Amino acid sequence: MKILVGYDDTEVSWEALVVAIVHAKVFGGKIHIFTSLEGESGISKMDLVAAEKNLKRAKEHADANKIECETKLSETMLWPGEDIIQYAKENNIDQIVVGIKRKSKLGKFVFGSTAQYVILEAPCPVLTVK
Protein backbone atom coordinates (compact mmCIF):
# COMPACT_ATOMS: atom_id res chain seq x y z
CA MET A 1 0.00 0.00 0.00
CA LYS A 2 1.34 3.43 -0.97
CA ILE A 3 0.29 6.27 1.33
CA LEU A 4 0.81 9.91 0.39
CA VAL A 5 1.05 12.51 3.15
CA GLY A 6 0.63 16.17 2.27
CA TYR A 7 3.22 17.76 4.56
CA ASP A 8 3.89 21.42 5.28
CA ASP A 9 5.43 21.20 8.78
CA THR A 10 2.32 22.44 10.56
CA GLU A 11 1.04 20.68 13.65
CA VAL A 12 -1.86 19.19 11.71
CA SER A 13 0.41 17.87 8.94
CA TRP A 14 2.59 16.25 11.62
CA GLU A 15 -0.56 14.56 12.99
CA ALA A 16 -1.34 13.39 9.43
CA LEU A 17 2.15 11.88 9.25
CA VAL A 18 1.61 10.06 12.57
CA VAL A 19 -1.67 8.59 11.28
CA ALA A 20 -0.01 7.58 8.00
CA ILE A 21 2.72 5.78 9.94
CA VAL A 22 0.09 3.81 11.86
CA HIS A 23 -1.66 2.87 8.59
CA ALA A 24 1.65 1.87 7.01
CA LYS A 25 2.42 -0.39 9.98
CA VAL A 26 -1.00 -2.04 9.88
CA PHE A 27 -1.14 -2.50 6.09
CA GLY A 28 2.57 -3.03 5.41
CA GLY A 29 2.70 0.18 3.44
CA LYS A 30 5.19 2.71 2.19
CA ILE A 31 4.82 6.42 2.88
CA HIS A 32 5.43 9.23 0.40
CA ILE A 33 5.88 12.51 2.28
CA PHE A 34 5.10 15.32 -0.14
CA THR A 35 5.67 19.06 0.13
CA SER A 36 4.55 21.42 -2.60
CA LEU A 37 6.03 24.90 -2.92
CA GLU A 38 4.11 27.16 -5.26
CA GLY A 39 6.54 29.15 -7.36
CA GLU A 40 4.51 31.64 -9.33
CA SER A 41 6.59 34.54 -8.05
CA GLY A 42 9.69 32.47 -7.33
CA ILE A 43 10.68 30.39 -4.36
CA SER A 44 13.29 31.81 -2.05
CA LYS A 45 16.41 29.84 -1.13
CA MET A 46 15.35 30.18 2.51
CA ASP A 47 11.96 28.55 1.76
CA LEU A 48 13.68 25.67 -0.05
CA VAL A 49 16.16 25.07 2.76
CA ALA A 50 13.37 25.14 5.38
CA ALA A 51 11.20 22.74 3.35
CA GLU A 52 14.11 20.31 2.88
CA LYS A 53 14.88 20.45 6.61
CA ASN A 54 11.22 19.79 7.48
CA LEU A 55 11.02 16.84 5.08
CA LYS A 56 14.22 15.40 6.56
CA ARG A 57 12.73 15.61 10.06
CA ALA A 58 9.53 13.90 8.87
CA LYS A 59 11.51 11.13 7.15
CA GLU A 60 13.60 10.59 10.28
CA HIS A 61 10.37 10.07 12.23
CA ALA A 62 9.15 7.48 9.69
CA ASP A 63 12.56 5.78 9.70
CA ALA A 64 12.55 5.64 13.51
CA ASN A 65 9.23 3.79 13.23
CA LYS A 66 10.77 1.39 10.69
CA ILE A 67 8.47 2.52 7.88
CA GLU A 68 9.68 2.58 4.30
CA CYS A 69 9.51 6.19 3.23
CA GLU A 70 10.45 8.58 0.49
CA THR A 71 10.16 12.34 0.37
CA LYS A 72 9.37 14.67 -2.48
CA LEU A 73 9.79 18.44 -2.55
CA SER A 74 7.91 19.80 -5.52
CA GLU A 75 8.63 23.27 -6.86
CA THR A 76 5.84 24.01 -9.26
CA MET A 77 3.47 26.53 -10.74
CA LEU A 78 0.57 24.34 -9.62
CA TRP A 79 -1.54 25.11 -6.60
CA PRO A 80 -0.62 22.61 -3.79
CA GLY A 81 -3.91 20.69 -4.09
CA GLU A 82 -3.38 20.18 -7.81
CA ASP A 83 0.23 19.17 -7.20
CA ILE A 84 -0.80 16.53 -4.64
CA ILE A 85 -3.39 15.06 -7.01
CA GLN A 86 -0.93 14.97 -9.91
CA TYR A 87 1.67 13.19 -7.76
CA ALA A 88 -0.93 10.70 -6.51
CA LYS A 89 -1.96 9.82 -10.06
CA GLU A 90 1.60 9.56 -11.38
CA ASN A 91 2.68 7.29 -8.49
CA ASN A 92 -0.43 5.08 -8.18
CA ILE A 93 -1.03 6.14 -4.59
CA ASP A 94 -3.54 4.00 -2.68
CA GLN A 95 -4.44 6.49 0.06
CA ILE A 96 -3.85 10.19 0.74
CA VAL A 97 -3.62 11.57 4.28
CA VAL A 98 -4.02 15.33 4.72
CA GLY A 99 -4.42 17.61 7.68
CA ILE A 100 -7.30 20.03 7.90
CA LYS A 101 -6.66 23.43 9.38
CA ARG A 102 -9.64 25.16 10.87
CA LYS A 103 -10.63 28.11 8.80
CA SER A 104 -13.76 30.26 8.69
CA LYS A 105 -16.30 29.72 5.92
CA LEU A 106 -15.33 33.10 4.46
CA GLY A 107 -11.64 32.12 4.56
CA LYS A 108 -12.37 28.90 2.67
CA PHE A 109 -14.46 30.79 0.13
CA VAL A 110 -11.84 33.45 -0.49
CA PHE A 111 -8.68 31.33 -0.25
CA GLY A 112 -9.97 27.85 -1.03
CA SER A 113 -8.92 24.73 0.78
CA THR A 114 -6.15 22.38 -0.28
CA ALA A 115 -7.75 19.52 1.67
CA GLN A 116 -11.16 20.19 0.12
CA TYR A 117 -9.68 20.11 -3.38
CA VAL A 118 -7.79 16.88 -2.62
CA ILE A 119 -10.92 15.23 -1.21
CA LEU A 120 -12.96 16.11 -4.30
CA GLU A 121 -10.33 15.29 -6.94
CA ALA A 122 -8.33 12.38 -5.50
CA PRO A 123 -8.05 9.16 -7.50
CA CYS A 124 -8.04 7.16 -4.22
CA PRO A 125 -9.48 7.34 -0.68
CA VAL A 126 -8.52 10.40 1.37
CA LEU A 127 -8.16 10.39 5.13
CA THR A 128 -8.37 13.77 6.83
CA VAL A 129 -6.85 14.61 10.19
CA LYS A 130 -7.73 17.55 12.46
C-alpha atoms as a PDB file:
ATOM      1  CA  MET A   1       0.000   0.000   0.000  1.00  0.00           C
ATOM      2  CA  LYS A   2       1.338   3.426  -0.967  1.00  0.00           C
ATOM      3  CA  ILE A   3       0.288   6.266   1.327  1.00  0.00           C
ATOM      4  CA  LEU A   4       0.808   9.906   0.387  1.00  0.00           C
ATOM      5  CA  VAL A   5       1.050  12.507   3.153  1.00  0.00           C
ATOM      6  CA  GLY A   6       0.631  16.166   2.270  1.00  0.00           C
ATOM      7  CA  TYR A   7       3.221  17.763   4.564  1.00  0.00           C
ATOM      8  CA  ASP A   8       3.892  21.424   5.282  1.00  0.00           C
ATOM      9  CA  ASP A   9       5.432  21.196   8.783  1.00  0.00           C
ATOM     10  CA  THR A  10       2.324  22.436  10.560  1.00  0.00           C
ATOM     11  CA  GLU A  11       1.041  20.679  13.654  1.00  0.00           C
ATOM     12  CA  VAL A  12      -1.861  19.190  11.707  1.00  0.00           C
ATOM     13  CA  SER A  13       0.407  17.871   8.935  1.00  0.00           C
ATOM     14  CA  TRP A  14       2.595  16.250  11.619  1.00  0.00           C
ATOM     15  CA  GLU A  15      -0.555  14.565  12.988  1.00  0.00           C
ATOM     16  CA  ALA A  16      -1.345  13.386   9.432  1.00  0.00           C
ATOM     17  CA  LEU A  17       2.146  11.878   9.253  1.00  0.00           C
ATOM     18  CA  VAL A  18       1.613  10.065  12.571  1.00  0.00           C
ATOM     19  CA  VAL A  19      -1.672   8.588  11.282  1.00  0.00           C
ATOM     20  CA  ALA A  20      -0.008   7.582   7.996  1.00  0.00           C
ATOM     21  CA  ILE A  21       2.719   5.779   9.937  1.00  0.00           C
ATOM     22  CA  VAL A  22       0.086   3.813  11.859  1.00  0.00           C
ATOM     23  CA  HIS A  23      -1.655   2.865   8.592  1.00  0.00           C
ATOM     24  CA  ALA A  24       1.653   1.871   7.010  1.00  0.00           C
ATOM     25  CA  LYS A  25       2.419  -0.393   9.984  1.00  0.00           C
ATOM     26  CA  VAL A  26      -1.004  -2.036   9.876  1.00  0.00           C
ATOM     27  CA  PHE A  27      -1.137  -2.497   6.091  1.00  0.00           C
ATOM     28  CA  GLY A  28       2.575  -3.031   5.412  1.00  0.00           C
ATOM     29  CA  GLY A  29       2.700   0.176   3.435  1.00  0.00           C
ATOM     30  CA  LYS A  30       5.192   2.707   2.188  1.00  0.00           C
ATOM     31  CA  ILE A  31       4.816   6.420   2.881  1.00  0.00           C
ATOM     32  CA  HIS A  32       5.428   9.225   0.403  1.00  0.00           C
ATOM     33  CA  ILE A  33       5.882  12.514   2.281  1.00  0.00           C
ATOM     34  CA  PHE A  34       5.102  15.316  -0.141  1.00  0.00           C
ATOM     35  CA  THR A  35       5.666  19.062   0.130  1.00  0.00           C
ATOM     36  CA  SER A  36       4.550  21.421  -2.603  1.00  0.00           C
ATOM     37  CA  LEU A  37       6.027  24.902  -2.925  1.00  0.00           C
ATOM     38  CA  GLU A  38       4.107  27.156  -5.257  1.00  0.00           C
ATOM     39  CA  GLY A  39       6.545  29.145  -7.356  1.00  0.00           C
ATOM     40  CA  GLU A  40       4.512  31.643  -9.330  1.00  0.00           C
ATOM     41  CA  SER A  41       6.592  34.545  -8.048  1.00  0.00           C
ATOM     42  CA  GLY A  42       9.690  32.470  -7.333  1.00  0.00           C
ATOM     43  CA  ILE A  43      10.676  30.390  -4.358  1.00  0.00           C
ATOM     44  CA  SER A  44      13.294  31.805  -2.053  1.00  0.00           C
ATOM     45  CA  LYS A  45      16.406  29.844  -1.131  1.00  0.00           C
ATOM     46  CA  MET A  46      15.353  30.179   2.512  1.00  0.00           C
ATOM     47  CA  ASP A  47      11.957  28.550   1.760  1.00  0.00           C
ATOM     48  CA  LEU A  48      13.681  25.672  -0.054  1.00  0.00           C
ATOM     49  CA  VAL A  49      16.155  25.072   2.761  1.00  0.00           C
ATOM     50  CA  ALA A  50      13.369  25.139   5.375  1.00  0.00           C
ATOM     51  CA  ALA A  51      11.201  22.739   3.354  1.00  0.00           C
ATOM     52  CA  GLU A  52      14.108  20.314   2.878  1.00  0.00           C
ATOM     53  CA  LYS A  53      14.879  20.446   6.612  1.00  0.00           C
ATOM     54  CA  ASN A  54      11.216  19.792   7.479  1.00  0.00           C
ATOM     55  CA  LEU A  55      11.024  16.840   5.083  1.00  0.00           C
ATOM     56  CA  LYS A  56      14.220  15.403   6.557  1.00  0.00           C
ATOM     57  CA  ARG A  57      12.729  15.610  10.062  1.00  0.00           C
ATOM     58  CA  ALA A  58       9.527  13.897   8.871  1.00  0.00           C
ATOM     59  CA  LYS A  59      11.512  11.129   7.148  1.00  0.00           C
ATOM     60  CA  GLU A  60      13.605  10.587  10.276  1.00  0.00           C
ATOM     61  CA  HIS A  61      10.370  10.068  12.227  1.00  0.00           C
ATOM     62  CA  ALA A  62       9.149   7.483   9.693  1.00  0.00           C
ATOM     63  CA  ASP A  63      12.564   5.779   9.699  1.00  0.00           C
ATOM     64  CA  ALA A  64      12.552   5.642  13.511  1.00  0.00           C
ATOM     65  CA  ASN A  65       9.230   3.793  13.232  1.00  0.00           C
ATOM     66  CA  LYS A  66      10.765   1.388  10.685  1.00  0.00           C
ATOM     67  CA  ILE A  67       8.466   2.521   7.880  1.00  0.00           C
ATOM     68  CA  GLU A  68       9.683   2.584   4.296  1.00  0.00           C
ATOM     69  CA  CYS A  69       9.512   6.186   3.231  1.00  0.00           C
ATOM     70  CA  GLU A  70      10.454   8.578   0.489  1.00  0.00           C
ATOM     71  CA  THR A  71      10.164  12.339   0.369  1.00  0.00           C
ATOM     72  CA  LYS A  72       9.368  14.673  -2.477  1.00  0.00           C
ATOM     73  CA  LEU A  73       9.788  18.435  -2.550  1.00  0.00           C
ATOM     74  CA  SER A  74       7.911  19.803  -5.516  1.00  0.00           C
ATOM     75  CA  GLU A  75       8.635  23.265  -6.864  1.00  0.00           C
ATOM     76  CA  THR A  76       5.839  24.009  -9.265  1.00  0.00           C
ATOM     77  CA  MET A  77       3.475  26.526 -10.744  1.00  0.00           C
ATOM     78  CA  LEU A  78       0.570  24.337  -9.618  1.00  0.00           C
ATOM     79  CA  TRP A  79      -1.541  25.114  -6.600  1.00  0.00           C
ATOM     80  CA  PRO A  80      -0.624  22.606  -3.788  1.00  0.00           C
ATOM     81  CA  GLY A  81      -3.905  20.687  -4.089  1.00  0.00           C
ATOM     82  CA  GLU A  82      -3.382  20.181  -7.813  1.00  0.00           C
ATOM     83  CA  ASP A  83       0.228  19.166  -7.201  1.00  0.00           C
ATOM     84  CA  ILE A  84      -0.797  16.530  -4.638  1.00  0.00           C
ATOM     85  CA  ILE A  85      -3.391  15.060  -7.012  1.00  0.00           C
ATOM     86  CA  GLN A  86      -0.934  14.973  -9.906  1.00  0.00           C
ATOM     87  CA  TYR A  87       1.670  13.190  -7.761  1.00  0.00           C
ATOM     88  CA  ALA A  88      -0.933  10.697  -6.505  1.00  0.00           C
ATOM     89  CA  LYS A  89      -1.963   9.817 -10.059  1.00  0.00           C
ATOM     90  CA  GLU A  90       1.603   9.556 -11.379  1.00  0.00           C
ATOM     91  CA  ASN A  91       2.676   7.293  -8.490  1.00  0.00           C
ATOM     92  CA  ASN A  92      -0.429   5.078  -8.182  1.00  0.00           C
ATOM     93  CA  ILE A  93      -1.027   6.144  -4.592  1.00  0.00           C
ATOM     94  CA  ASP A  94      -3.542   3.999  -2.682  1.00  0.00           C
ATOM     95  CA  GLN A  95      -4.437   6.493   0.061  1.00  0.00           C
ATOM     96  CA  ILE A  96      -3.852  10.188   0.740  1.00  0.00           C
ATOM     97  CA  VAL A  97      -3.625  11.570   4.276  1.00  0.00           C
ATOM     98  CA  VAL A  98      -4.022  15.334   4.722  1.00  0.00           C
ATOM     99  CA  GLY A  99      -4.422  17.610   7.677  1.00  0.00           C
ATOM    100  CA  ILE A 100      -7.303  20.032   7.903  1.00  0.00           C
ATOM    101  CA  LYS A 101      -6.658  23.432   9.377  1.00  0.00           C
ATOM    102  CA  ARG A 102      -9.638  25.158  10.874  1.00  0.00           C
ATOM    103  CA  LYS A 103     -10.635  28.115   8.797  1.00  0.00           C
ATOM    104  CA  SER A 104     -13.757  30.258   8.688  1.00  0.00           C
ATOM    105  CA  LYS A 105     -16.302  29.724   5.917  1.00  0.00           C
ATOM    106  CA  LEU A 106     -15.329  33.101   4.459  1.00  0.00           C
ATOM    107  CA  GLY A 107     -11.640  32.122   4.555  1.00  0.00           C
ATOM    108  CA  LYS A 108     -12.368  28.895   2.671  1.00  0.00           C
ATOM    109  CA  PHE A 109     -14.464  30.794   0.132  1.00  0.00           C
ATOM    110  CA  VAL A 110     -11.838  33.451  -0.489  1.00  0.00           C
ATOM    111  CA  PHE A 111      -8.682  31.334  -0.250  1.00  0.00           C
ATOM    112  CA  GLY A 112      -9.973  27.850  -1.031  1.00  0.00           C
ATOM    113  CA  SER A 113      -8.918  24.732   0.782  1.00  0.00           C
ATOM    114  CA  THR A 114      -6.154  22.379  -0.283  1.00  0.00           C
ATOM    115  CA  ALA A 115      -7.752  19.524   1.671  1.00  0.00           C
ATOM    116  CA  GLN A 116     -11.161  20.189   0.125  1.00  0.00           C
ATOM    117  CA  TYR A 117      -9.680  20.106  -3.382  1.00  0.00           C
ATOM    118  CA  VAL A 118      -7.792  16.882  -2.620  1.00  0.00           C
ATOM    119  CA  ILE A 119     -10.924  15.228  -1.209  1.00  0.00           C
ATOM    120  CA  LEU A 120     -12.957  16.105  -4.301  1.00  0.00           C
ATOM    121  CA  GLU A 121     -10.325  15.294  -6.945  1.00  0.00           C
ATOM    122  CA  ALA A 122      -8.334  12.377  -5.500  1.00  0.00           C
ATOM    123  CA  PRO A 123      -8.050   9.158  -7.498  1.00  0.00           C
ATOM    124  CA  CYS A 124      -8.043   7.160  -4.218  1.00  0.00           C
ATOM    125  CA  PRO A 125      -9.478   7.336  -0.678  1.00  0.00           C
ATOM    126  CA  VAL A 126      -8.520  10.395   1.368  1.00  0.00           C
ATOM    127  CA  LEU A 127      -8.164  10.386   5.132  1.00  0.00           C
ATOM    128  CA  THR A 128      -8.375  13.768   6.828  1.00  0.00           C
ATOM    129  CA  VAL A 129      -6.851  14.607  10.194  1.00  0.00           C
ATOM    130  CA  LYS A 130      -7.725  17.549  12.463  1.00  0.00           C
END
